[in-house]
Amino acid sequence: MLWASLAYASGIVTGYYLWRPPLWWLVAAIVFSASEVYFLRRRPRAAFALVLLALFVTGALMMQVRVPEDHGSVGMLALADGRDLIVNAHVTKEGSPREKSPGDTQQRLDLETEQIGTGNETLVIHSGLRVNVYGHHRRIEDETNESEESVATPMHVFRYGERLRFPVRLYPPHNFRNPGAFDYAGYLAENGIVAIGSTRAETVELLPGFAGNWAELWRTRLRRSLIERIHVLWKPDEAPLLDAMLIGENSFLGRETLTNFQRTGTYHVLVISGLKVAVLALVMFWLLRRLRVSDIAASAITILLTVAYAVLTDVGAPVWRATLMLALYLGARLLNRRKSILNTIGAAALVLMIVDPVALLGASFQLSFLCVLVIGGIGTPLLERTTQPLFRALKSLDATGYDAALAPSLAQFRLDLRMVAGRLQPFFGKRIPLMMLSGTARLLLVGCEFLVISAVLQAGFAMPMAYYFHRATLVSLPANMLAVPLTEIIMIAAIVAVSASYIALGLAKVPALVAGAALYAMNGSVRWLGALRIADTRVHS
């Protein structure tokens, strides 16, 4: 499957840069497919090569016959020139309101337009907008108060499905011209946002009716409830980080925090990524198996909960890619197929490229699969030949009969540990020394594995990071050695704390303290490394 996905990807890239009539690619695909069927039994290797060629030309064909998505951009862009408009729209995605300065509040809304008034005419246009609504705490006179003091009232918070009418000036999104800056315009285009603007809260009029679906309404309510719980359980300086790490809400993060995580190459822990999905799925599957749940039921429940998490976070392709790979891996495991991570990567990539060929050309798709490919193709085989045999040698150190089943070097390793344990027995007793040595050795091996995987990832990502973002920070290796394991602790403890808080807040105190302590350690290490001058040294393309 990995070879098949590479062939299909090569066809997509060729079709993007080398245009030919679609009929040519179609005829070539038919010829290669027919030839593959003919040689299947006669010459299997030739048939395999013909299959790859058929996938290659099919990828080029799909790239050239695709129909570009139109989010009403033609009509909307004609109006996004700064003129005064009156827009009727409904909220498709609500942002969390945040205080920009004392008394001033901002809420970011994604909207779908219904009608747009230009003064001379009213146009019916269905297109995506991103609008920032600014407001301040209004003060109204309290008639019941004899001292005539005014009372502050907060700005109305707009919710999913509400229909609005407001004046606005719209502009097309644009990028900063810094080398390696975030492709903001491309990101908005992928999410169907054609124009951006801002308005004042007091000029927004609520219209009657609800526009949307009830499933999305309940999703936004659950997300809002989780954010409220997080801000109840943790301190104001901790809650924004947990918002970002658990459900991808970064509205409350300060610029200084974002800068520190970016400078140290640990920004990925603040976004919902495949790493978070893998951690949650692994813990859930392990717990279900410990509870004596059958293999099939544990796999199905893990996949369903992962899909639910992807729906809840609603951060797009990275989580769905990880969810698809997880489903394929667990499915192959249930069917007693060879659980090859490279085969899983290839199958997931092929499915996603068939659904959306253009995704291959984006940095997100390439970096996501490069990450898993580096881990599965380089890091895992390296660990299987180095640390994994030592892990097996640490099992049942007191069982001398197990030595014969191991390689001579591993058997010698077990003998050395038992000899050291014998020297410690007069001080700690008979059983404790072996347990201490085994536990210490396991911790050291886990640390070595994190070091190896982090080093392999940094080496594999150096060139893509320099190409796409024009930098690869030098402190990312030590920063990620601390951030990645702490992220796993934070995720597990925080989920337990939030879940327990719906039963009773007292039950959430202990896991909340664990998550807070791990978060303090991670944030402190990031701030310390980010303050070093070496953090400003980068590899540039």
Protein backbone atom coordinates (compact mmCIF):
# COMPACT_ATOMS: atom_id res chain seq x y z
CA MET A 1 0.00 0.00 0.00
CA LEU A 2 2.90 2.36 0.59
CA TRP A 3 4.16 1.81 -2.97
CA ALA A 4 0.59 2.27 -4.27
CA SER A 5 0.16 5.57 -2.42
CA LEU A 6 3.55 6.83 -3.65
CA ALA A 7 2.61 6.01 -7.25
CA TYR A 8 -0.75 7.75 -6.92
CA ALA A 9 0.92 10.78 -5.27
CA SER A 10 3.47 10.99 -8.09
CA GLY A 11 0.60 11.04 -10.58
CA ILE A 12 -1.10 13.88 -8.70
CA VAL A 13 2.07 15.98 -8.71
CA THR A 14 2.64 15.24 -12.42
CA GLY A 15 -0.95 16.16 -13.24
CA TYR A 16 -0.58 19.43 -11.35
CA TYR A 17 2.57 20.58 -13.12
CA LEU A 18 2.19 18.82 -16.50
CA TRP A 19 -1.17 19.28 -18.20
CA ARG A 20 -2.29 16.81 -20.83
CA PRO A 21 -5.80 16.15 -22.22
CA PRO A 22 -7.75 14.02 -19.73
CA LEU A 23 -8.55 11.54 -22.51
CA TRP A 24 -4.83 10.70 -22.77
CA TRP A 25 -4.62 9.84 -19.07
CA LEU A 26 -7.86 7.81 -19.27
CA VAL A 27 -6.64 5.74 -22.23
CA ALA A 28 -3.30 5.14 -20.49
CA ALA A 29 -5.08 3.98 -17.30
CA ILE A 30 -7.23 1.53 -19.28
CA VAL A 31 -4.21 0.15 -21.17
CA PHE A 32 -2.13 -0.32 -18.02
CA SER A 33 -5.04 -1.95 -16.15
CA ALA A 34 -5.75 -4.38 -18.99
CA SER A 35 -2.04 -5.23 -19.28
CA GLU A 36 -1.87 -5.87 -15.53
CA VAL A 37 -4.74 -8.37 -15.75
CA TYR A 38 -3.01 -10.14 -18.66
CA PHE A 39 0.38 -10.46 -16.88
CA LEU A 40 -1.04 -11.20 -13.41
CA ARG A 41 -0.42 -14.97 -13.57
CA ARG A 42 2.33 -14.99 -16.19
CA ARG A 43 4.70 -12.38 -14.77
CA PRO A 44 3.72 -11.15 -11.30
CA ARG A 45 6.54 -8.59 -11.08
CA ALA A 46 5.55 -7.04 -14.39
CA ALA A 47 1.91 -7.00 -13.23
CA PHE A 48 2.94 -5.19 -10.03
CA ALA A 49 4.80 -2.53 -12.04
CA LEU A 50 1.79 -2.10 -14.33
CA VAL A 51 -0.50 -1.62 -11.31
CA LEU A 52 1.76 1.18 -10.09
CA LEU A 53 1.70 2.77 -13.55
CA ALA A 54 -2.09 2.53 -13.63
CA LEU A 55 -2.28 4.26 -10.26
CA PHE A 56 0.18 6.90 -11.49
CA VAL A 57 -1.91 7.90 -14.51
CA THR A 58 -5.14 7.66 -12.46
CA GLY A 59 -3.70 10.18 -10.00
CA ALA A 60 -2.85 12.56 -12.85
CA LEU A 61 -6.32 12.07 -14.33
CA MET A 62 -8.11 12.78 -11.04
CA MET A 63 -6.03 15.91 -10.54
CA GLN A 64 -6.98 17.32 -13.93
CA VAL A 65 -10.69 16.45 -13.98
CA ARG A 66 -11.41 17.70 -10.46
CA VAL A 67 -13.98 20.46 -10.13
CA PRO A 68 -12.71 23.37 -8.00
CA GLU A 69 -14.95 24.19 -5.05
CA ASP A 70 -16.81 27.47 -5.29
CA HIS A 71 -17.88 28.99 -1.98
CA GLY A 72 -19.58 31.93 -3.65
CA SER A 73 -16.18 33.57 -3.97
CA VAL A 74 -16.82 35.25 -7.33
CA GLY A 75 -19.78 37.33 -6.18
CA MET A 76 -18.39 37.95 -2.71
CA LEU A 77 -14.95 39.10 -3.82
CA ALA A 78 -16.60 41.69 -6.06
CA LEU A 79 -18.10 43.24 -2.92
CA ALA A 80 -15.01 42.87 -0.70
CA ASP A 81 -13.52 46.24 -1.61
CA GLY A 82 -14.17 48.21 1.58
CA ARG A 83 -17.58 49.60 0.64
CA ASP A 84 -20.37 49.88 3.22
CA LEU A 85 -22.58 46.79 3.21
CA ILE A 86 -25.56 45.46 5.18
CA VAL A 87 -25.17 41.71 5.64
CA ASN A 88 -27.78 39.14 6.63
CA ALA A 89 -26.02 35.97 7.78
CA HIS A 90 -26.14 33.13 10.28
CA VAL A 91 -23.40 31.88 12.62
CA THR A 92 -21.73 28.65 11.48
CA LYS A 93 -18.90 28.67 14.03
CA GLU A 94 -18.81 30.64 17.25
CA GLY A 95 -15.60 31.78 18.84
CA SER A 96 -15.06 32.22 22.54
CA PRO A 97 -15.30 35.89 23.59
CA ARG A 98 -12.12 37.29 25.07
CA GLU A 99 -11.23 40.54 26.75
CA LYS A 100 -8.86 42.59 24.62
CA SER A 101 -8.51 45.38 27.20
CA PRO A 102 -10.38 46.34 30.38
CA GLY A 103 -14.00 46.74 29.38
CA ASP A 104 -13.48 45.76 25.71
CA THR A 105 -14.45 42.33 24.37
CA GLN A 106 -13.90 40.61 21.03
CA GLN A 107 -15.67 37.57 19.57
CA ARG A 108 -14.69 35.94 16.29
CA LEU A 109 -17.54 34.51 14.22
CA ASP A 110 -17.62 32.42 11.06
CA LEU A 111 -20.78 33.22 9.12
CA GLU A 112 -22.65 32.12 6.02
CA THR A 113 -24.28 35.00 4.20
CA GLU A 114 -27.93 35.01 3.15
CA GLN A 115 -28.38 38.48 1.69
CA ILE A 116 -26.06 41.43 1.14
CA GLY A 117 -27.34 44.96 0.71
CA THR A 118 -25.14 47.39 -1.19
CA GLY A 119 -27.40 50.43 -0.87
CA ASN A 120 -28.68 50.21 -4.45
CA GLU A 121 -29.75 46.57 -4.43
CA THR A 122 -29.96 43.45 -2.29
CA LEU A 123 -28.08 40.39 -3.52
CA VAL A 124 -28.68 36.79 -2.51
CA ILE A 125 -25.20 35.35 -1.95
CA HIS A 126 -24.27 32.26 0.04
CA SER A 127 -20.62 32.58 1.01
CA GLY A 128 -18.34 32.30 4.02
CA LEU A 129 -17.26 35.29 6.12
CA ARG A 130 -15.06 35.70 9.17
CA VAL A 131 -16.10 38.72 11.22
CA ASN A 132 -14.64 40.06 14.46
CA VAL A 133 -17.32 41.61 16.68
CA TYR A 134 -16.01 44.24 19.08
CA GLY A 135 -17.92 45.56 22.05
CA HIS A 136 -17.50 47.08 25.45
CA HIS A 137 -19.32 46.75 28.75
CA ARG A 138 -22.18 49.16 28.35
CA ARG A 139 -23.24 51.16 31.38
CA ILE A 140 -26.91 51.80 32.00
CA GLU A 141 -28.54 53.92 34.70
CA ASP A 142 -29.93 51.94 37.63
CA GLU A 143 -33.27 53.58 38.41
CA THR A 144 -33.56 51.74 41.74
CA ASN A 145 -30.30 53.21 43.01
CA GLU A 146 -30.76 56.62 44.62
CA SER A 147 -27.11 57.52 44.08
CA GLU A 148 -27.69 57.28 40.29
CA GLU A 149 -24.72 54.97 39.78
CA SER A 150 -24.52 53.10 36.45
CA VAL A 151 -24.41 49.32 36.13
CA ALA A 152 -22.12 47.54 33.62
CA THR A 153 -23.76 45.04 31.24
CA PRO A 154 -21.62 42.62 29.22
CA MET A 155 -21.68 42.38 25.43
CA HIS A 156 -24.10 39.84 23.97
CA VAL A 157 -22.31 36.60 23.09
CA PHE A 158 -23.41 35.29 19.69
CA ARG A 159 -24.10 31.57 19.35
CA TYR A 160 -24.23 28.98 16.60
CA GLY A 161 -27.34 29.15 14.41
CA GLU A 162 -28.30 32.73 15.28
CA ARG A 163 -29.32 34.93 12.37
CA LEU A 164 -27.78 38.40 12.31
CA ARG A 165 -27.99 41.67 10.38
CA PHE A 166 -25.09 44.10 10.67
CA PRO A 167 -23.19 46.79 8.77
CA VAL A 168 -19.67 45.86 7.73
CA ARG A 169 -16.85 46.60 5.34
CA LEU A 170 -15.39 43.45 3.80
CA TYR A 171 -11.92 42.78 2.46
CA PRO A 172 -10.26 39.73 0.90
CA PRO A 173 -7.89 37.93 3.30
CA HIS A 174 -4.17 38.45 2.71
CA ASN A 175 -0.91 37.11 4.08
CA PHE A 176 1.99 38.92 5.66
CA ARG A 177 4.96 38.99 3.33
CA ASN A 178 7.39 37.59 5.87
CA PRO A 179 9.27 34.54 4.56
CA GLY A 180 7.75 31.47 6.13
CA ALA A 181 4.74 33.29 7.58
CA PHE A 182 1.54 31.33 8.14
CA ASP A 183 -0.59 31.03 4.99
CA TYR A 184 -3.62 32.68 6.54
CA ALA A 185 -5.41 33.26 3.23
CA GLY A 186 -4.95 29.63 2.20
CA TYR A 187 -6.16 28.42 5.59
CA LEU A 188 -9.34 30.51 5.32
CA ALA A 189 -9.94 29.33 1.74
CA GLU A 190 -9.75 25.70 2.87
CA ASN A 191 -12.47 26.47 5.42
CA GLY A 192 -14.71 28.23 2.91
CA ILE A 193 -13.98 31.77 4.15
CA VAL A 194 -13.93 34.23 1.26
CA ALA A 195 -13.82 37.63 2.99
CA ILE A 196 -13.12 39.12 6.41
CA GLY A 197 -14.35 42.16 8.27
CA SER A 198 -15.24 43.63 11.65
CA THR A 199 -18.20 45.36 13.23
CA ARG A 200 -19.39 46.77 16.55
CA ALA A 201 -21.60 44.64 18.78
CA GLU A 202 -24.15 47.42 19.30
CA THR A 203 -24.81 47.58 15.54
CA VAL A 204 -25.63 43.87 15.26
CA GLU A 205 -29.34 43.04 15.08
CA LEU A 206 -30.62 39.58 16.00
CA LEU A 207 -33.08 38.21 13.45
CA PRO A 208 -35.77 35.64 14.24
CA GLY A 209 -35.26 31.98 13.40
CA PHE A 210 -32.51 29.38 13.63
CA ALA A 211 -30.20 28.40 10.75
CA GLY A 212 -28.14 25.26 11.13
CA ASN A 213 -28.44 21.66 12.25
CA TRP A 214 -29.13 20.35 15.73
CA ALA A 215 -26.10 18.01 15.75
CA GLU A 216 -23.73 20.96 15.33
CA LEU A 217 -25.71 22.92 17.91
CA TRP A 218 -25.20 20.22 20.55
CA ARG A 219 -21.53 19.89 19.58
CA THR A 220 -20.94 23.59 20.18
CA ARG A 221 -22.83 23.43 23.48
CA LEU A 222 -20.71 20.51 24.68
CA ARG A 223 -17.52 22.30 23.61
CA ARG A 224 -18.63 25.43 25.45
CA SER A 225 -19.39 23.38 28.57
CA LEU A 226 -15.93 21.79 28.48
CA ILE A 227 -14.26 25.21 28.25
CA GLU A 228 -16.26 26.41 31.25
CA ARG A 229 -15.23 23.31 33.24
CA ILE A 230 -11.56 23.82 32.38
CA HIS A 231 -11.68 27.42 33.60
CA VAL A 232 -13.30 26.30 36.85
CA LEU A 233 -10.76 23.53 37.56
CA TRP A 234 -7.52 25.35 36.74
CA LYS A 235 -6.00 28.75 37.41
CA PRO A 236 -6.30 31.60 34.86
CA ASP A 237 -2.70 31.12 33.68
CA GLU A 238 -3.19 27.35 33.21
CA ALA A 239 -6.69 27.14 31.72
CA PRO A 240 -5.79 28.72 28.31
CA LEU A 241 -3.05 26.14 27.77
CA LEU A 242 -5.42 23.29 28.61
CA ASP A 243 -8.09 24.77 26.32
CA ALA A 244 -5.63 24.54 23.46
CA MET A 245 -4.23 21.11 24.35
CA LEU A 246 -7.56 19.37 25.01
CA ILE A 247 -9.99 20.79 22.46
CA GLY A 248 -7.97 23.14 20.23
CA GLU A 249 -9.36 26.42 21.62
CA ASN A 250 -6.55 28.99 21.40
CA SER A 251 -8.54 32.20 21.80
CA PHE A 252 -7.28 32.78 25.33
CA LEU A 253 -3.57 32.20 24.69
CA GLY A 254 -1.33 35.23 25.07
CA ARG A 255 1.18 36.31 22.45
CA GLU A 256 4.14 35.73 24.78
CA THR A 257 3.10 32.11 25.41
CA LEU A 258 2.65 31.44 21.70
CA THR A 259 6.04 32.98 20.94
CA ASN A 260 7.83 30.80 23.50
CA PHE A 261 6.29 27.61 22.15
CA GLN A 262 7.08 28.64 18.57
CA ARG A 263 10.71 29.54 19.37
CA THR A 264 11.33 26.18 21.05
CA GLY A 265 9.66 24.08 18.34
CA THR A 266 6.99 22.78 20.75
CA TYR A 267 4.02 24.63 19.28
CA HIS A 268 2.58 21.28 18.15
CA VAL A 269 1.58 20.46 21.76
CA LEU A 270 -0.86 23.41 21.69
CA VAL A 271 -2.81 22.10 18.72
CA ILE A 272 -4.91 18.98 18.23
CA SER A 273 -2.73 16.60 16.26
CA GLY A 274 -2.27 12.95 15.51
CA LEU A 275 -0.09 12.65 18.64
CA LYS A 276 -3.04 13.56 20.88
CA VAL A 277 -5.31 11.10 19.08
CA ALA A 278 -2.75 8.31 19.40
CA VAL A 279 -2.25 8.93 23.14
CA LEU A 280 -5.98 8.95 23.87
CA ALA A 281 -6.64 5.85 21.77
CA LEU A 282 -3.75 3.94 23.35
CA VAL A 283 -4.88 4.73 26.90
CA MET A 284 -8.52 3.94 26.15
CA PHE A 285 -7.69 0.62 24.49
CA TRP A 286 -5.37 -0.34 27.35
CA LEU A 287 -8.01 0.47 29.98
CA LEU A 288 -10.70 -1.48 28.15
CA ARG A 289 -8.47 -4.53 27.87
CA ARG A 290 -7.61 -4.31 31.58
CA LEU A 291 -11.36 -4.30 32.30
CA ARG A 292 -11.67 -7.63 30.47
CA VAL A 293 -13.49 -6.13 27.48
CA SER A 294 -13.17 -8.34 24.40
CA ASP A 295 -10.70 -7.43 21.69
CA ILE A 296 -13.41 -6.64 19.13
CA ALA A 297 -15.45 -4.54 21.55
CA ALA A 298 -12.36 -2.66 22.80
CA SER A 299 -11.29 -1.86 19.23
CA ALA A 300 -14.79 -0.71 18.24
CA ILE A 301 -15.22 1.46 21.36
CA THR A 302 -11.76 3.00 20.85
CA ILE A 303 -12.54 3.88 17.24
CA LEU A 304 -15.95 5.34 18.15
CA LEU A 305 -14.51 7.47 20.95
CA THR A 306 -11.71 8.67 18.65
CA VAL A 307 -14.27 9.68 16.02
CA ALA A 308 -16.28 11.47 18.72
CA TYR A 309 -13.14 13.34 19.82
CA ALA A 310 -12.41 14.34 16.21
CA VAL A 311 -15.97 15.66 15.84
CA LEU A 312 -15.80 17.53 19.15
CA THR A 313 -12.51 19.29 18.43
CA ASP A 314 -13.48 20.05 14.80
CA VAL A 315 -9.94 21.00 13.82
CA GLY A 316 -10.04 19.36 10.41
CA ALA A 317 -7.79 17.08 8.44
CA PRO A 318 -4.93 16.22 10.87
CA VAL A 319 -7.23 14.55 13.41
CA TRP A 320 -9.24 12.74 10.75
CA ARG A 321 -6.03 11.43 9.17
CA ALA A 322 -4.93 10.03 12.53
CA THR A 323 -8.40 8.57 13.13
CA LEU A 324 -8.38 6.84 9.75
CA MET A 325 -4.93 5.37 10.38
CA LEU A 326 -6.03 4.16 13.81
CA ALA A 327 -9.14 2.48 12.35
CA LEU A 328 -7.08 0.76 9.66
CA TYR A 329 -4.50 -0.43 12.17
CA LEU A 330 -7.07 -1.84 14.61
CA GLY A 331 -9.01 -3.39 11.74
CA ALA A 332 -5.89 -5.16 10.46
CA ARG A 333 -5.18 -6.30 14.00
CA LEU A 334 -8.65 -7.84 14.35
CA LEU A 335 -8.28 -9.63 11.02
CA ASN A 336 -4.94 -11.08 12.16
CA ARG A 337 -3.17 -9.31 9.32
CA ARG A 338 0.42 -8.17 9.58
CA LYS A 339 0.27 -4.93 11.54
CA SER A 340 2.76 -3.03 9.41
CA ILE A 341 2.79 0.66 10.20
CA LEU A 342 4.09 1.43 6.70
CA ASN A 343 1.18 -0.48 5.17
CA THR A 344 -1.24 1.47 7.36
CA ILE A 345 0.36 4.77 6.35
CA GLY A 346 0.10 3.86 2.68
CA ALA A 347 -3.56 2.80 2.91
CA ALA A 348 -4.59 5.93 4.83
CA ALA A 349 -2.70 8.22 2.44
CA LEU A 350 -4.23 6.54 -0.63
CA VAL A 351 -7.78 6.89 0.72
CA LEU A 352 -7.27 10.57 1.58
CA MET A 353 -5.70 11.37 -1.79
CA ILE A 354 -8.58 9.70 -3.62
CA VAL A 355 -11.07 11.81 -1.64
CA ASP A 356 -9.10 15.06 -2.03
CA PRO A 357 -6.12 15.01 -4.44
CA VAL A 358 -5.26 18.66 -3.72
CA ALA A 359 -4.54 17.84 -0.07
CA LEU A 360 -1.24 16.25 -1.13
CA LEU A 361 0.11 19.64 -2.19
CA GLY A 362 -0.34 21.16 1.28
CA ALA A 363 2.27 21.24 4.03
CA SER A 364 -0.17 19.80 6.59
CA PHE A 365 -0.69 16.56 4.66
CA GLN A 366 2.99 16.12 3.87
CA LEU A 367 4.24 16.83 7.40
CA SER A 368 1.61 14.60 9.01
CA PHE A 369 2.55 11.57 6.97
CA LEU A 370 6.25 12.37 7.09
CA CYS A 371 6.04 12.32 10.88
CA VAL A 372 4.46 8.86 10.97
CA LEU A 373 6.72 7.62 8.18
CA VAL A 374 9.86 8.71 10.01
CA ILE A 375 8.67 7.10 13.24
CA GLY A 376 7.43 3.90 11.59
CA GLY A 377 10.12 3.52 8.96
CA ILE A 378 13.21 4.70 10.86
CA GLY A 379 12.52 5.20 14.58
CA THR A 380 10.60 1.97 15.27
CA PRO A 381 13.03 -0.38 13.45
CA LEU A 382 15.90 1.35 15.24
CA LEU A 383 14.28 0.77 18.63
CA GLU A 384 13.44 -2.82 17.75
CA ARG A 385 17.16 -3.49 17.33
CA THR A 386 18.38 -1.53 20.36
CA THR A 387 16.09 -0.89 23.34
CA GLN A 388 13.28 -3.38 22.74
CA PRO A 389 15.48 -6.47 23.29
CA LEU A 390 16.62 -4.94 26.60
CA PHE A 391 12.99 -4.43 27.63
CA ARG A 392 12.35 -8.12 27.00
CA ALA A 393 15.44 -9.01 29.02
CA LEU A 394 14.05 -7.11 32.04
CA LYS A 395 11.04 -9.41 32.33
CA SER A 396 11.05 -11.76 35.35
CA LEU A 397 14.65 -11.10 36.41
CA ASP A 398 14.39 -13.73 39.13
CA ALA A 399 13.51 -16.48 36.61
CA THR A 400 16.89 -17.97 35.65
CA GLY A 401 15.27 -20.41 33.21
CA TYR A 402 14.26 -17.51 30.96
CA ASP A 403 17.93 -16.74 30.26
CA ALA A 404 18.23 -19.68 27.88
CA ALA A 405 15.54 -18.23 25.60
CA LEU A 406 17.51 -15.00 25.04
CA ALA A 407 20.59 -14.06 23.09
CA PRO A 408 23.91 -14.47 24.98
CA SER A 409 24.39 -10.72 25.38
CA LEU A 410 20.90 -10.31 26.89
CA ALA A 411 21.42 -13.30 29.20
CA GLN A 412 24.67 -11.68 30.36
CA PHE A 413 22.79 -8.43 30.98
CA ARG A 414 20.33 -10.28 33.27
CA LEU A 415 23.22 -11.98 35.12
CA ASP A 416 24.90 -8.62 35.72
CA LEU A 417 21.69 -7.17 37.17
CA ARG A 418 21.22 -10.15 39.47
CA MET A 419 24.83 -9.81 40.62
CA VAL A 420 24.31 -6.13 41.49
CA ALA A 421 21.05 -7.04 43.24
CA GLY A 422 22.92 -9.62 45.30
CA ARG A 423 25.31 -6.92 46.55
CA LEU A 424 22.32 -4.79 47.61
CA GLN A 425 20.39 -7.52 49.41
CA PRO A 426 22.06 -6.94 52.85
CA PHE A 427 20.70 -3.37 52.77
CA PHE A 428 17.26 -3.73 51.10
CA GLY A 429 16.26 -7.36 51.44
CA LYS A 430 15.85 -10.05 48.79
CA ARG A 431 13.08 -8.75 46.48
CA ILE A 432 13.44 -4.97 46.55
CA PRO A 433 16.86 -4.70 44.79
CA LEU A 434 15.65 -6.54 41.66
CA MET A 435 12.53 -4.36 41.52
CA MET A 436 14.63 -1.20 41.94
CA LEU A 437 17.09 -2.19 39.23
CA SER A 438 14.34 -3.28 36.84
CA GLY A 439 12.36 -0.06 37.35
CA THR A 440 15.43 2.16 37.00
CA ALA A 441 16.52 0.35 33.84
CA ARG A 442 13.03 0.70 32.34
CA LEU A 443 12.95 4.44 33.06
CA LEU A 444 16.36 4.89 31.44
CA LEU A 445 15.28 2.90 28.39
CA VAL A 446 12.08 4.94 28.05
CA GLY A 447 14.18 8.10 28.22
CA CYS A 448 16.49 6.74 25.54
CA GLU A 449 13.52 5.92 23.32
CA PHE A 450 12.15 9.45 23.65
CA LEU A 451 15.60 10.79 22.81
CA VAL A 452 15.93 8.57 19.74
CA ILE A 453 12.44 9.34 18.41
CA SER A 454 12.87 13.08 19.02
CA ALA A 455 16.27 13.10 17.30
CA VAL A 456 14.94 11.14 14.32
CA LEU A 457 11.95 13.48 14.01
CA GLN A 458 14.06 16.62 14.21
CA ALA A 459 16.45 15.28 11.56
CA GLY A 460 13.58 14.22 9.31
CA PHE A 461 11.76 17.54 9.72
CA ALA A 462 14.78 19.81 9.28
CA MET A 463 14.51 20.20 5.50
CA PRO A 464 10.67 20.46 5.28
CA MET A 465 10.62 23.01 8.12
CA ALA A 466 13.32 25.06 6.43
CA TYR A 467 11.45 24.86 3.09
CA TYR A 468 7.92 25.62 4.29
CA PHE A 469 8.58 27.81 7.33
CA HIS A 470 12.14 29.02 6.60
CA ARG A 471 13.45 27.90 9.98
CA ALA A 472 14.24 24.87 12.13
CA THR A 473 14.99 25.79 15.72
CA LEU A 474 18.01 24.17 17.40
CA VAL A 475 16.46 23.84 20.89
CA SER A 476 13.52 21.75 19.70
CA LEU A 477 15.23 18.44 20.56
CA PRO A 478 15.68 19.05 24.32
CA ALA A 479 12.38 20.96 24.49
CA ASN A 480 10.41 18.12 22.93
CA MET A 481 12.13 15.51 25.11
CA LEU A 482 10.39 17.19 28.06
CA ALA A 483 7.22 18.41 26.35
CA VAL A 484 6.07 15.17 24.68
CA PRO A 485 6.01 12.89 27.76
CA LEU A 486 4.56 15.70 29.90
CA THR A 487 1.88 16.24 27.27
CA GLU A 488 0.79 12.63 27.64
CA ILE A 489 0.52 13.02 31.43
CA ILE A 490 -1.39 16.29 31.06
CA MET A 491 -3.84 14.88 28.52
CA ILE A 492 -4.71 11.80 30.56
CA ALA A 493 -4.97 13.60 33.92
CA ALA A 494 -6.94 16.52 32.47
CA ILE A 495 -9.49 14.27 30.75
CA VAL A 496 -9.99 12.33 33.99
CA ALA A 497 -10.39 15.60 35.92
CA VAL A 498 -12.92 17.13 33.49
CA SER A 499 -14.93 13.89 33.32
CA ALA A 500 -14.97 13.57 37.12
CA SER A 501 -16.05 17.19 37.55
CA TYR A 502 -19.41 16.40 35.95
CA ILE A 503 -20.01 13.96 38.81
CA ALA A 504 -18.53 16.02 41.65
CA LEU A 505 -15.88 18.73 41.74
CA GLY A 506 -14.21 17.04 44.70
CA LEU A 507 -13.41 13.98 42.59
CA ALA A 508 -11.56 16.17 40.08
CA LYS A 509 -9.11 17.75 42.53
CA VAL A 510 -6.39 15.09 42.50
CA PRO A 511 -6.18 14.58 38.69
CA ALA A 512 -6.44 18.37 38.25
CA LEU A 513 -3.43 18.84 40.55
CA VAL A 514 -1.46 16.21 38.60
CA ALA A 515 -2.27 17.91 35.30
CA GLY A 516 -1.43 21.32 36.77
CA ALA A 517 1.96 20.14 38.08
CA ALA A 518 2.88 18.58 34.71
CA LEU A 519 1.68 21.71 32.92
CA TYR A 520 3.78 23.90 35.21
CA ALA A 521 6.87 21.78 34.46
CA MET A 522 6.28 21.87 30.70
CA ASN A 523 5.50 25.58 30.55
CA GLY A 524 8.49 26.37 32.77
CA SER A 525 10.89 24.39 30.57
CA VAL A 526 9.50 26.07 27.45
CA ARG A 527 9.89 29.55 28.98
CA TRP A 528 13.43 28.78 30.14
CA LEU A 529 14.56 27.37 26.79
CA GLY A 530 12.75 30.11 24.90
CA ALA A 531 14.62 32.76 26.88
CA LEU A 532 18.02 31.38 25.87
CA ARG A 533 19.87 33.16 23.10
CA ILE A 534 20.48 29.85 21.33
CA ALA A 535 16.71 29.69 20.72
CA ASP A 536 17.21 32.51 18.19
CA THR A 537 19.64 30.34 16.19
CA ARG A 538 17.81 28.58 13.38
CA VAL A 539 18.49 26.66 10.19
CA HIS A 540 17.27 28.79 7.28
CA SER A 541 16.43 27.65 3.78
